[in-house]
Amino acid sequence: SILALVVAAMIFALMAITSWQDNETNRAILTQLRAINIDSASLQRDVLRAEAGVVANYRPIISRLGALRKNLENLKRLFKQSHLVIGNDFSQLLDKLKVSVDTTDAAVAAFGAQNVLLQDSLASFTRALSILPKMSSTDQTVENSNELGSLMLQFVRQPSPTLSLEISHELDMLQKASGGAEVPIRILAREGRVILSLLPRVNDAVNMIQTSDTAEIAERLERK
């Protein structure tokens, strides 16, 4: 009948619209997943640059984190619009992705707070170390400062408990040799111990960010 034909035509039209919407949603999902991949890689790069002290501020890192958060929210919204939300695998992967972004966020926050202090301490330590030989110090003080500088350089390159103990010992020896009265020596002792404390924690935060599985989970979702 004509009515049946009209109804059939309407059904086919609705199916076509739904299919088109699904395709559009799926494409949008893929776009968000690829954006998460890019932002995750960029965040890791920016953190390494900040750790090396070659960036003036942390705005790029904050911006990348914000982009990751926004992409994740967009992704959750798109999954709700898509039939893909029915699959348990997708829901589980989406939950894992959120946990991964949260973990990265916490690691970046720890890194940011600690690395600012670390870079300041390294700069103060280096300045004090360069001033000490120019002052009226004993030969023993100069010798101790040279040994301290060499050990600290090794520690910055590759921290270890053994080196940390050696540096602590050198700091004690330097203070005893001078009586701890000279300002550069007080700065070396104070900032040196800050470096020994903070550097391993900064490295741990960086390693956590660099080994984040955010991009890997996004790729698994993309393959689904």
N, C-alpha and C. Protein backbone atom coordinates (compact mmCIF):
# COMPACT_ATOMS: atom_id res chain seq x y z
N SER A 1 0.84 -1.19 0.00
CA SER A 1 0.00 0.00 0.00
C SER A 1 0.87 1.24 0.00
N ILE A 2 0.22 2.39 -0.29
CA ILE A 2 0.98 3.63 -0.32
C ILE A 2 1.52 3.95 1.07
N LEU A 3 0.67 3.68 2.12
CA LEU A 3 1.09 3.95 3.50
C LEU A 3 2.32 3.14 3.87
N ALA A 4 2.28 1.85 3.46
CA ALA A 4 3.41 0.97 3.76
C ALA A 4 4.68 1.47 3.08
N LEU A 5 4.51 1.94 1.84
CA LEU A 5 5.66 2.47 1.11
C LEU A 5 6.22 3.72 1.78
N VAL A 6 5.28 4.58 2.25
CA VAL A 6 5.71 5.81 2.93
C VAL A 6 6.44 5.48 4.22
N VAL A 7 5.86 4.54 4.99
CA VAL A 7 6.49 4.13 6.25
C VAL A 7 7.86 3.53 5.99
N ALA A 8 7.93 2.66 4.97
CA ALA A 8 9.21 2.04 4.62
C ALA A 8 10.24 3.10 4.23
N ALA A 9 9.79 4.08 3.47
CA ALA A 9 10.69 5.16 3.05
C ALA A 9 11.20 5.94 4.26
N MET A 10 10.29 6.19 5.22
CA MET A 10 10.68 6.91 6.43
C MET A 10 11.70 6.11 7.25
N ILE A 11 11.46 4.79 7.32
CA ILE A 11 12.37 3.92 8.07
C ILE A 11 13.77 3.94 7.45
N PHE A 12 13.80 3.81 6.11
CA PHE A 12 15.08 3.83 5.42
C PHE A 12 15.79 5.17 5.60
N ALA A 13 15.00 6.24 5.58
CA ALA A 13 15.56 7.58 5.77
C ALA A 13 16.16 7.72 7.17
N LEU A 14 15.42 7.21 8.18
CA LEU A 14 15.91 7.27 9.56
C LEU A 14 17.18 6.43 9.73
N MET A 15 17.19 5.25 9.08
CA MET A 15 18.37 4.39 9.15
C MET A 15 19.59 5.08 8.53
N ALA A 16 19.35 5.77 7.42
CA ALA A 16 20.44 6.48 6.74
C ALA A 16 20.98 7.60 7.62
N ILE A 17 20.05 8.33 8.28
CA ILE A 17 20.46 9.42 9.16
C ILE A 17 21.26 8.88 10.34
N THR A 18 20.75 7.75 10.93
CA THR A 18 21.44 7.14 12.07
C THR A 18 22.82 6.67 11.67
N SER A 19 22.92 6.03 10.49
CA SER A 19 24.21 5.56 10.01
C SER A 19 25.18 6.71 9.81
N TRP A 20 24.65 7.81 9.23
CA TRP A 20 25.49 8.98 9.01
C TRP A 20 25.97 9.56 10.34
N GLN A 21 25.04 9.62 11.31
CA GLN A 21 25.41 10.15 12.62
C GLN A 21 26.46 9.27 13.30
N ASP A 22 26.28 7.92 13.18
CA ASP A 22 27.25 7.01 13.77
C ASP A 22 28.62 7.21 13.15
N ASN A 23 28.66 7.35 11.81
CA ASN A 23 29.93 7.56 11.13
C ASN A 23 30.59 8.86 11.58
N GLU A 24 29.77 9.90 11.71
CA GLU A 24 30.29 11.19 12.16
C GLU A 24 30.83 11.08 13.59
N THR A 25 30.07 10.38 14.44
CA THR A 25 30.51 10.20 15.83
C THR A 25 31.79 9.40 15.90
N ASN A 26 31.85 8.33 15.10
CA ASN A 26 33.04 7.48 15.09
C ASN A 26 34.27 8.25 14.63
N ARG A 27 34.06 9.09 13.60
CA ARG A 27 35.18 9.91 13.12
C ARG A 27 35.63 10.90 14.20
N ALA A 28 34.66 11.45 14.90
CA ALA A 28 34.99 12.39 15.99
C ALA A 28 35.74 11.68 17.11
N ILE A 29 35.34 10.43 17.40
CA ILE A 29 36.04 9.63 18.42
C ILE A 29 37.49 9.40 18.01
N LEU A 30 37.69 9.03 16.75
CA LEU A 30 39.05 8.80 16.25
C LEU A 30 39.89 10.07 16.34
N THR A 31 39.26 11.19 16.02
CA THR A 31 39.96 12.48 16.09
C THR A 31 40.43 12.77 17.52
N GLN A 32 39.55 12.51 18.49
CA GLN A 32 39.90 12.75 19.90
C GLN A 32 41.00 11.81 20.36
N LEU A 33 40.93 10.55 19.94
CA LEU A 33 41.95 9.57 20.33
C LEU A 33 43.31 9.96 19.77
N ARG A 34 43.33 10.41 18.52
CA ARG A 34 44.60 10.83 17.92
C ARG A 34 45.14 12.08 18.60
N ALA A 35 44.22 12.97 18.99
CA ALA A 35 44.63 14.18 19.70
C ALA A 35 45.25 13.82 21.05
N ILE A 36 44.68 12.82 21.73
CA ILE A 36 45.23 12.36 23.01
C ILE A 36 46.64 11.80 22.81
N ASN A 37 46.84 11.04 21.72
CA ASN A 37 48.16 10.52 21.40
C ASN A 37 49.18 11.64 21.25
N ILE A 38 48.79 12.65 20.47
CA ILE A 38 49.69 13.77 20.18
C ILE A 38 49.99 14.56 21.45
N ASP A 39 48.94 14.86 22.22
CA ASP A 39 49.13 15.66 23.44
C ASP A 39 49.95 14.91 24.48
N SER A 40 49.77 13.60 24.55
CA SER A 40 50.54 12.80 25.51
C SER A 40 52.03 12.82 25.16
N ALA A 41 52.34 12.64 23.87
CA ALA A 41 53.74 12.68 23.42
C ALA A 41 54.34 14.07 23.63
N SER A 42 53.56 15.10 23.35
CA SER A 42 54.04 16.48 23.51
C SER A 42 54.29 16.79 24.99
N LEU A 43 53.42 16.28 25.85
CA LEU A 43 53.59 16.49 27.29
C LEU A 43 54.89 15.86 27.77
N GLN A 44 55.17 14.64 27.33
CA GLN A 44 56.40 13.96 27.71
C GLN A 44 57.63 14.75 27.24
N ARG A 45 57.56 15.28 26.03
CA ARG A 45 58.66 16.09 25.49
C ARG A 45 58.86 17.36 26.32
N ASP A 46 57.75 18.04 26.63
CA ASP A 46 57.83 19.30 27.39
C ASP A 46 58.38 19.07 28.80
N VAL A 47 58.02 17.96 29.41
CA VAL A 47 58.52 17.64 30.75
C VAL A 47 60.03 17.42 30.72
N LEU A 48 60.51 16.71 29.70
CA LEU A 48 61.95 16.49 29.57
C LEU A 48 62.70 17.80 29.38
N ARG A 49 62.11 18.71 28.61
CA ARG A 49 62.73 20.03 28.40
C ARG A 49 62.75 20.83 29.70
N ALA A 50 61.67 20.73 30.46
CA ALA A 50 61.61 21.44 31.75
C ALA A 50 62.63 20.86 32.73
N GLU A 51 62.77 19.54 32.71
CA GLU A 51 63.74 18.90 33.60
C GLU A 51 65.16 19.36 33.28
N ALA A 52 65.43 19.55 31.98
CA ALA A 52 66.76 19.99 31.55
C ALA A 52 66.97 21.49 31.78
N GLY A 53 65.90 22.19 32.17
CA GLY A 53 66.01 23.62 32.45
C GLY A 53 66.08 24.50 31.23
N VAL A 54 65.52 24.02 30.09
CA VAL A 54 65.61 24.78 28.84
C VAL A 54 64.31 25.51 28.51
N VAL A 55 63.34 25.50 29.41
CA VAL A 55 62.10 26.25 29.18
C VAL A 55 61.96 27.32 30.27
N ALA A 56 61.39 28.46 29.88
CA ALA A 56 61.29 29.59 30.80
C ALA A 56 60.15 29.42 31.81
N ASN A 57 59.10 28.70 31.42
CA ASN A 57 57.96 28.51 32.31
C ASN A 57 57.27 27.19 32.01
N TYR A 58 56.22 26.92 32.78
CA TYR A 58 55.54 25.63 32.68
C TYR A 58 54.20 25.73 31.94
N ARG A 59 54.00 26.84 31.23
CA ARG A 59 52.72 27.01 30.53
C ARG A 59 52.46 25.92 29.50
N PRO A 60 53.47 25.51 28.69
CA PRO A 60 53.20 24.43 27.72
C PRO A 60 52.73 23.14 28.39
N ILE A 61 53.31 22.82 29.55
CA ILE A 61 52.93 21.60 30.27
C ILE A 61 51.50 21.71 30.77
N ILE A 62 51.17 22.85 31.36
CA ILE A 62 49.81 23.08 31.86
C ILE A 62 48.81 23.03 30.71
N SER A 63 49.20 23.61 29.58
CA SER A 63 48.33 23.62 28.39
C SER A 63 48.08 22.20 27.88
N ARG A 64 49.13 21.38 27.85
CA ARG A 64 48.98 19.99 27.38
C ARG A 64 48.08 19.19 28.31
N LEU A 65 48.24 19.39 29.60
CA LEU A 65 47.39 18.69 30.56
C LEU A 65 45.93 19.10 30.38
N GLY A 66 45.71 20.39 30.18
CA GLY A 66 44.35 20.87 29.94
C GLY A 66 43.75 20.28 28.69
N ALA A 67 44.58 20.17 27.64
CA ALA A 67 44.10 19.58 26.38
C ALA A 67 43.76 18.10 26.57
N LEU A 68 44.58 17.38 27.32
CA LEU A 68 44.30 15.97 27.60
C LEU A 68 42.98 15.81 28.34
N ARG A 69 42.77 16.66 29.34
CA ARG A 69 41.52 16.62 30.11
C ARG A 69 40.31 16.90 29.21
N LYS A 70 40.44 17.91 28.37
CA LYS A 70 39.35 18.28 27.48
C LYS A 70 39.06 17.17 26.48
N ASN A 71 40.11 16.58 25.92
CA ASN A 71 39.93 15.47 24.97
C ASN A 71 39.25 14.28 25.63
N LEU A 72 39.62 14.01 26.88
CA LEU A 72 39.02 12.89 27.60
C LEU A 72 37.54 13.13 27.83
N GLU A 73 37.17 14.35 28.22
CA GLU A 73 35.75 14.68 28.42
C GLU A 73 34.98 14.59 27.11
N ASN A 74 35.57 15.08 26.03
CA ASN A 74 34.93 14.98 24.72
C ASN A 74 34.73 13.53 24.32
N LEU A 75 35.74 12.71 24.62
CA LEU A 75 35.68 11.29 24.27
C LEU A 75 34.56 10.59 25.03
N LYS A 76 34.43 10.88 26.31
CA LYS A 76 33.35 10.28 27.12
C LYS A 76 31.98 10.68 26.58
N ARG A 77 31.86 11.94 26.19
CA ARG A 77 30.58 12.42 25.64
C ARG A 77 30.27 11.73 24.31
N LEU A 78 31.28 11.58 23.47
CA LEU A 78 31.07 10.95 22.16
C LEU A 78 30.73 9.47 22.30
N PHE A 79 31.35 8.79 23.27
CA PHE A 79 31.04 7.38 23.48
C PHE A 79 29.59 7.19 23.91
N LYS A 80 29.09 8.15 24.67
CA LYS A 80 27.68 8.07 25.08
C LYS A 80 26.75 8.22 23.89
N GLN A 81 27.18 8.96 22.89
CA GLN A 81 26.37 9.17 21.69
C GLN A 81 26.47 8.00 20.72
N SER A 82 27.47 7.16 20.92
CA SER A 82 27.74 6.09 19.96
C SER A 82 27.27 4.74 20.49
N HIS A 83 26.97 3.84 19.55
CA HIS A 83 26.59 2.47 19.93
C HIS A 83 27.77 1.72 20.53
N LEU A 84 29.00 2.27 20.37
CA LEU A 84 30.19 1.61 20.88
C LEU A 84 30.18 1.48 22.40
N VAL A 85 29.38 2.34 23.04
CA VAL A 85 29.33 2.32 24.50
C VAL A 85 28.76 1.02 25.04
N ILE A 86 28.09 0.26 24.18
CA ILE A 86 27.50 -1.01 24.59
C ILE A 86 28.58 -2.02 24.98
N GLY A 87 29.70 -2.00 24.28
CA GLY A 87 30.76 -2.98 24.52
C GLY A 87 31.47 -2.74 25.84
N ASN A 88 31.63 -3.79 26.63
CA ASN A 88 32.31 -3.67 27.91
C ASN A 88 33.78 -3.29 27.73
N ASP A 89 34.40 -3.80 26.64
CA ASP A 89 35.80 -3.50 26.38
C ASP A 89 36.03 -2.00 26.29
N PHE A 90 35.13 -1.32 25.59
CA PHE A 90 35.27 0.12 25.42
C PHE A 90 35.14 0.84 26.75
N SER A 91 34.16 0.43 27.54
CA SER A 91 33.95 1.07 28.84
C SER A 91 35.16 0.88 29.74
N GLN A 92 35.71 -0.34 29.74
CA GLN A 92 36.88 -0.63 30.57
C GLN A 92 38.09 0.17 30.13
N LEU A 93 38.29 0.23 28.80
CA LEU A 93 39.43 0.99 28.28
C LEU A 93 39.28 2.48 28.56
N LEU A 94 38.05 2.96 28.47
CA LEU A 94 37.79 4.37 28.75
C LEU A 94 38.09 4.69 30.22
N ASP A 95 37.70 3.76 31.10
CA ASP A 95 38.00 3.93 32.53
C ASP A 95 39.52 3.92 32.77
N LYS A 96 40.22 3.01 32.08
CA LYS A 96 41.67 2.94 32.22
C LYS A 96 42.34 4.21 31.71
N LEU A 97 41.78 4.75 30.63
CA LEU A 97 42.32 5.98 30.07
C LEU A 97 42.19 7.13 31.07
N LYS A 98 41.05 7.19 31.74
CA LYS A 98 40.84 8.24 32.75
C LYS A 98 41.83 8.09 33.91
N VAL A 99 42.02 6.85 34.37
CA VAL A 99 42.97 6.59 35.46
C VAL A 99 44.38 7.00 35.03
N SER A 100 44.73 6.67 33.79
CA SER A 100 46.06 7.00 33.27
C SER A 100 46.28 8.51 33.22
N VAL A 101 45.28 9.24 32.75
CA VAL A 101 45.38 10.71 32.69
C VAL A 101 45.47 11.29 34.10
N ASP A 102 44.68 10.75 35.04
CA ASP A 102 44.72 11.22 36.43
C ASP A 102 46.10 10.99 37.04
N THR A 103 46.68 9.81 36.77
CA THR A 103 48.00 9.47 37.29
C THR A 103 49.06 10.41 36.72
N THR A 104 48.97 10.65 35.42
CA THR A 104 49.91 11.57 34.76
C THR A 104 49.78 12.97 35.33
N ASP A 105 48.54 13.39 35.55
CA ASP A 105 48.27 14.72 36.11
C ASP A 105 48.95 14.87 37.47
N ALA A 106 48.80 13.86 38.33
CA ALA A 106 49.41 13.90 39.66
C ALA A 106 50.94 13.93 39.58
N ALA A 107 51.49 13.14 38.65
CA ALA A 107 52.95 13.10 38.48
C ALA A 107 53.47 14.44 37.98
N VAL A 108 52.74 15.07 37.07
CA VAL A 108 53.15 16.38 36.55
C VAL A 108 53.09 17.44 37.65
N ALA A 109 52.06 17.38 38.49
CA ALA A 109 51.94 18.33 39.60
C ALA A 109 53.13 18.19 40.55
N ALA A 110 53.50 16.95 40.87
CA ALA A 110 54.64 16.70 41.75
C ALA A 110 55.93 17.18 41.09
N PHE A 111 56.07 16.87 39.82
CA PHE A 111 57.27 17.30 39.08
C PHE A 111 57.40 18.81 39.07
N GLY A 112 56.30 19.50 38.75
CA GLY A 112 56.34 20.95 38.64
C GLY A 112 56.77 21.62 39.93
N ALA A 113 56.17 21.19 41.03
CA ALA A 113 56.48 21.80 42.34
C ALA A 113 57.93 21.53 42.75
N GLN A 114 58.38 20.29 42.54
CA GLN A 114 59.72 19.91 43.00
C GLN A 114 60.82 20.41 42.07
N ASN A 115 60.55 20.43 40.76
CA ASN A 115 61.59 20.82 39.82
C ASN A 115 61.93 22.30 39.91
N VAL A 116 60.95 23.13 40.22
CA VAL A 116 61.22 24.56 40.41
C VAL A 116 62.22 24.76 41.55
N LEU A 117 61.97 24.08 42.66
CA LEU A 117 62.88 24.17 43.81
C LEU A 117 64.25 23.59 43.47
N LEU A 118 64.25 22.47 42.73
CA LEU A 118 65.51 21.82 42.37
C LEU A 118 66.37 22.73 41.49
N GLN A 119 65.75 23.33 40.47
CA GLN A 119 66.51 24.20 39.57
C GLN A 119 67.08 25.40 40.32
N ASP A 120 66.31 25.95 41.25
CA ASP A 120 66.80 27.08 42.07
C ASP A 120 67.99 26.65 42.93
N SER A 121 67.88 25.46 43.52
CA SER A 121 68.96 24.96 44.37
C SER A 121 70.22 24.67 43.56
N LEU A 122 70.05 24.10 42.38
CA LEU A 122 71.21 23.83 41.51
C LEU A 122 71.91 25.13 41.13
N ALA A 123 71.12 26.16 40.80
CA ALA A 123 71.71 27.44 40.42
C ALA A 123 72.47 28.07 41.59
N SER A 124 71.86 28.04 42.78
CA SER A 124 72.51 28.61 43.97
C SER A 124 73.77 27.83 44.34
N PHE A 125 73.69 26.51 44.24
CA PHE A 125 74.83 25.65 44.56
C PHE A 125 75.99 25.95 43.61
N THR A 126 75.69 26.06 42.32
CA THR A 126 76.73 26.32 41.32
C THR A 126 77.38 27.68 41.53
N ARG A 127 76.57 28.69 41.84
CA ARG A 127 77.13 30.04 42.09
C ARG A 127 78.05 30.02 43.31
N ALA A 128 77.59 29.40 44.37
CA ALA A 128 78.40 29.34 45.60
C ALA A 128 79.71 28.59 45.36
N LEU A 129 79.63 27.53 44.58
CA LEU A 129 80.82 26.72 44.29
C LEU A 129 81.84 27.52 43.48
N SER A 130 81.35 28.37 42.59
CA SER A 130 82.27 29.17 41.76
C SER A 130 82.90 30.33 42.54
N ILE A 131 82.20 30.80 43.58
CA ILE A 131 82.70 31.92 44.38
C ILE A 131 83.77 31.47 45.38
N LEU A 132 83.61 30.26 45.90
CA LEU A 132 84.45 29.80 47.02
C LEU A 132 85.96 29.89 46.75
N PRO A 133 86.47 29.44 45.59
CA PRO A 133 87.93 29.51 45.36
C PRO A 133 88.47 30.94 45.33
N LYS A 134 87.61 31.94 45.07
CA LYS A 134 88.06 33.34 44.98
C LYS A 134 88.17 33.99 46.35
N MET A 135 87.65 33.31 47.36
CA MET A 135 87.67 33.88 48.71
C MET A 135 88.93 33.45 49.45
N SER A 136 89.17 34.04 50.59
CA SER A 136 90.37 33.73 51.38
C SER A 136 90.17 32.43 52.15
N SER A 137 90.04 31.34 51.36
CA SER A 137 89.80 30.03 51.97
C SER A 137 91.11 29.26 52.07
N THR A 138 91.15 28.27 52.91
CA THR A 138 92.33 27.42 53.02
C THR A 138 92.40 26.49 51.83
N ASP A 139 93.60 25.93 51.62
CA ASP A 139 93.77 24.97 50.52
C ASP A 139 92.85 23.77 50.71
N GLN A 140 92.66 23.39 51.97
CA GLN A 140 91.79 22.25 52.26
C GLN A 140 90.35 22.54 51.86
N THR A 141 89.91 23.77 52.10
CA THR A 141 88.55 24.16 51.72
C THR A 141 88.37 24.11 50.22
N VAL A 142 89.35 24.63 49.49
CA VAL A 142 89.29 24.62 48.02
C VAL A 142 89.30 23.19 47.50
N GLU A 143 90.16 22.36 48.09
CA GLU A 143 90.24 20.96 47.67
C GLU A 143 88.91 20.25 47.92
N ASN A 144 88.31 20.51 49.08
CA ASN A 144 87.01 19.90 49.40
C ASN A 144 85.92 20.37 48.46
N SER A 145 85.96 21.66 48.10
CA SER A 145 84.94 22.19 47.20
C SER A 145 85.07 21.60 45.81
N ASN A 146 86.30 21.38 45.36
CA ASN A 146 86.51 20.75 44.04
C ASN A 146 85.97 19.32 44.03
N GLU A 147 86.25 18.59 45.09
CA GLU A 147 85.76 17.22 45.20
C GLU A 147 84.24 17.20 45.26
N LEU A 148 83.68 18.15 46.00
CA LEU A 148 82.23 18.26 46.13
C LEU A 148 81.58 18.54 44.77
N GLY A 149 82.18 19.46 44.01
CA GLY A 149 81.64 19.78 42.69
C GLY A 149 81.65 18.59 41.76
N SER A 150 82.74 17.82 41.79
CA SER A 150 82.86 16.63 40.95
C SER A 150 81.81 15.58 41.32
N LEU A 151 81.64 15.36 42.62
CA LEU A 151 80.66 14.37 43.08
C LEU A 151 79.23 14.80 42.75
N MET A 152 78.93 16.09 42.92
CA MET A 152 77.58 16.57 42.63
C MET A 152 77.26 16.44 41.15
N LEU A 153 78.25 16.70 40.30
CA LEU A 153 78.04 16.55 38.86
C LEU A 153 77.69 15.10 38.52
N GLN A 154 78.39 14.16 39.15
CA GLN A 154 78.09 12.74 38.94
C GLN A 154 76.68 12.41 39.43
N PHE A 155 76.32 12.98 40.57
CA PHE A 155 75.01 12.71 41.15
C PHE A 155 73.88 13.24 40.26
N VAL A 156 74.08 14.42 39.71
CA VAL A 156 73.06 15.01 38.83
C VAL A 156 72.88 14.14 37.58
N ARG A 157 73.99 13.61 37.08
CA ARG A 157 73.91 12.76 35.89
C ARG A 157 73.29 11.40 36.19
N GLN A 158 73.67 10.85 37.34
CA GLN A 158 73.16 9.51 37.70
C GLN A 158 73.10 9.38 39.23
N PRO A 159 71.98 9.76 39.82
CA PRO A 159 71.86 9.70 41.28
C PRO A 159 71.98 8.28 41.81
N SER A 160 72.58 8.16 42.98
CA SER A 160 72.67 6.87 43.66
C SER A 160 72.81 7.10 45.15
N PRO A 161 72.37 6.14 45.97
CA PRO A 161 72.53 6.29 47.43
C PRO A 161 73.99 6.43 47.85
N THR A 162 74.88 5.72 47.15
CA THR A 162 76.31 5.80 47.49
C THR A 162 76.86 7.20 47.28
N LEU A 163 76.53 7.78 46.13
CA LEU A 163 76.98 9.14 45.84
C LEU A 163 76.37 10.14 46.82
N SER A 164 75.12 9.92 47.18
CA SER A 164 74.45 10.80 48.13
C SER A 164 75.18 10.82 49.47
N LEU A 165 75.59 9.64 49.93
CA LEU A 165 76.34 9.56 51.19
C LEU A 165 77.70 10.25 51.08
N GLU A 166 78.37 10.06 49.95
CA GLU A 166 79.68 10.70 49.74
C GLU A 166 79.56 12.22 49.76
N ILE A 167 78.52 12.72 49.08
CA ILE A 167 78.32 14.18 49.03
C ILE A 167 77.99 14.72 50.41
N SER A 168 77.15 14.01 51.15
CA SER A 168 76.83 14.44 52.52
C SER A 168 78.09 14.51 53.37
N HIS A 169 78.96 13.53 53.19
CA HIS A 169 80.24 13.52 53.92
C HIS A 169 81.10 14.72 53.53
N GLU A 170 81.17 15.01 52.22
CA GLU A 170 81.96 16.15 51.75
C GLU A 170 81.40 17.47 52.27
N LEU A 171 80.08 17.57 52.34
CA LEU A 171 79.46 18.78 52.89
C LEU A 171 79.85 18.97 54.35
N ASP A 172 79.84 17.88 55.10
CA ASP A 172 80.24 17.94 56.51
C ASP A 172 81.71 18.35 56.65
N MET A 173 82.57 17.75 55.80
CA MET A 173 84.00 18.06 55.84
C MET A 173 84.26 19.52 55.49
N LEU A 174 83.52 20.02 54.50
CA LEU A 174 83.70 21.41 54.07
C LEU A 174 83.32 22.38 55.18
N GLN A 175 82.23 22.07 55.87
CA GLN A 175 81.79 22.93 56.98
C GLN A 175 82.80 22.91 58.13
N LYS A 176 83.35 21.73 58.41
CA LYS A 176 84.33 21.61 59.50
C LYS A 176 85.62 22.35 59.17
N ALA A 177 86.05 22.23 57.90
CA ALA A 177 87.31 22.85 57.48
C ALA A 177 87.27 24.36 57.57
N SER A 178 86.09 24.93 57.36
CA SER A 178 85.97 26.39 57.35
C SER A 178 85.34 26.94 58.62
N GLY A 179 84.83 26.05 59.44
CA GLY A 179 84.10 26.49 60.62
C GLY A 179 82.67 26.87 60.31
N GLY A 180 82.29 26.75 59.03
CA GLY A 180 80.91 27.02 58.60
C GLY A 180 80.53 28.48 58.66
N ALA A 181 81.56 29.38 58.74
CA ALA A 181 81.25 30.79 58.91
C ALA A 181 81.00 31.50 57.57
N GLU A 182 81.63 31.04 56.51
CA GLU A 182 81.54 31.73 55.22
C GLU A 182 80.19 31.45 54.56
N VAL A 183 79.62 32.51 53.99
CA VAL A 183 78.29 32.42 53.38
C VAL A 183 78.23 31.37 52.27
N PRO A 184 79.20 31.35 51.31
CA PRO A 184 79.12 30.33 50.25
C PRO A 184 79.08 28.91 50.77
N ILE A 185 79.79 28.65 51.85
CA ILE A 185 79.80 27.29 52.41
C ILE A 185 78.45 26.96 53.04
N ARG A 186 77.84 27.94 53.68
CA ARG A 186 76.50 27.71 54.24
C ARG A 186 75.50 27.44 53.11
N ILE A 187 75.65 28.17 52.01
CA ILE A 187 74.76 27.96 50.85
C ILE A 187 74.99 26.58 50.26
N LEU A 188 76.26 26.18 50.11
CA LEU A 188 76.57 24.85 49.57
C LEU A 188 75.96 23.76 50.43
N ALA A 189 76.10 23.90 51.74
CA ALA A 189 75.56 22.88 52.65
C ALA A 189 74.05 22.80 52.56
N ARG A 190 73.40 23.96 52.55
CA ARG A 190 71.93 23.99 52.52
C ARG A 190 71.39 23.48 51.17
N GLU A 191 71.88 24.08 50.09
CA GLU A 191 71.35 23.73 48.76
C GLU A 191 71.79 22.33 48.33
N GLY A 192 72.98 21.94 48.77
CA GLY A 192 73.46 20.59 48.43
C GLY A 192 72.54 19.52 48.97
N ARG A 193 72.09 19.70 50.20
CA ARG A 193 71.19 18.71 50.81
C ARG A 193 69.79 18.75 50.18
N VAL A 194 69.38 19.94 49.74
CA VAL A 194 68.10 20.04 49.01
C VAL A 194 68.18 19.25 47.71
N ILE A 195 69.31 19.38 47.01
CA ILE A 195 69.49 18.65 45.75
C ILE A 195 69.47 17.15 45.98
N LEU A 196 70.17 16.70 47.02
CA LEU A 196 70.20 15.27 47.33
C LEU A 196 68.80 14.73 47.61
N SER A 197 67.96 15.55 48.22
CA SER A 197 66.61 15.12 48.56
C SER A 197 65.66 15.17 47.35
N LEU A 198 65.76 16.26 46.57
CA LEU A 198 64.76 16.49 45.53
C LEU A 198 65.04 15.77 44.22
N LEU A 199 66.30 15.67 43.84
CA LEU A 199 66.61 15.12 42.52
C LEU A 199 66.04 13.72 42.29
N PRO A 200 66.19 12.78 43.23
CA PRO A 200 65.58 11.45 43.00
C PRO A 200 64.06 11.51 42.85
N ARG A 201 63.41 12.41 43.60
CA ARG A 201 61.95 12.52 43.51
C ARG A 201 61.53 13.12 42.17
N VAL A 202 62.28 14.10 41.71
CA VAL A 202 61.99 14.68 40.39
C VAL A 202 62.17 13.62 39.30
N ASN A 203 63.24 12.85 39.40
CA ASN A 203 63.48 11.79 38.42
C ASN A 203 62.37 10.74 38.43
N ASP A 204 61.89 10.40 39.62
CA ASP A 204 60.79 9.43 39.72
C ASP A 204 59.53 9.96 39.04
N ALA A 205 59.24 11.25 39.24
CA ALA A 205 58.06 11.85 38.61
C ALA A 205 58.21 11.87 37.09
N VAL A 206 59.41 12.21 36.62
CA VAL A 206 59.67 12.23 35.17
C VAL A 206 59.51 10.83 34.59
N ASN A 207 60.06 9.83 35.26
CA ASN A 207 59.94 8.46 34.77
C ASN A 207 58.49 8.01 34.71
N MET A 208 57.69 8.41 35.69
CA MET A 208 56.28 8.05 35.69
C MET A 208 55.55 8.69 34.50
N ILE A 209 55.90 9.92 34.20
CA ILE A 209 55.29 10.61 33.06
C ILE A 209 55.73 9.98 31.75
N GLN A 210 57.02 9.67 31.66
CA GLN A 210 57.55 9.11 30.41
C GLN A 210 57.04 7.69 30.14
N THR A 211 56.69 6.96 31.19
CA THR A 211 56.19 5.60 31.01
C THR A 211 54.66 5.53 31.08
N SER A 212 54.02 6.69 31.03
CA SER A 212 52.55 6.73 31.05
C SER A 212 51.97 5.89 29.91
N ASP A 213 50.89 5.15 30.22
CA ASP A 213 50.26 4.30 29.20
C ASP A 213 49.07 4.99 28.54
N THR A 214 48.97 6.32 28.68
CA THR A 214 47.85 7.06 28.08
C THR A 214 47.78 6.84 26.58
N ALA A 215 48.91 7.04 25.89
CA ALA A 215 48.92 6.89 24.43
C ALA A 215 48.63 5.45 24.02
N GLU A 216 49.16 4.49 24.79
CA GLU A 216 48.93 3.07 24.47
C GLU A 216 47.45 2.71 24.57
N ILE A 217 46.79 3.19 25.62
CA ILE A 217 45.35 2.91 25.79
C ILE A 217 44.55 3.57 24.69
N ALA A 218 44.93 4.81 24.34
CA ALA A 218 44.24 5.52 23.25
C ALA A 218 44.37 4.75 21.94
N GLU A 219 45.54 4.17 21.68
CA GLU A 219 45.75 3.38 20.46
C GLU A 219 44.90 2.11 20.48
N ARG A 220 44.78 1.49 21.65
CA ARG A 220 43.93 0.29 21.76
C ARG A 220 42.48 0.62 21.48
N LEU A 221 42.03 1.77 22.00
CA LEU A 221 40.66 2.21 21.72
C LEU A 221 40.48 2.50 20.24
N GLU A 222 41.50 3.09 19.63
CA GLU A 222 41.42 3.43 18.21
C GLU A 222 41.31 2.17 17.36
N ARG A 223 42.04 1.12 17.75
CA ARG A 223 41.99 -0.14 16.99
C ARG A 223 40.65 -0.84 17.14
N LYS A 224 39.93 -0.56 18.26
CA LYS A 224 38.62 -1.19 18.47
C LYS A 224 37.62 -0.71 17.44
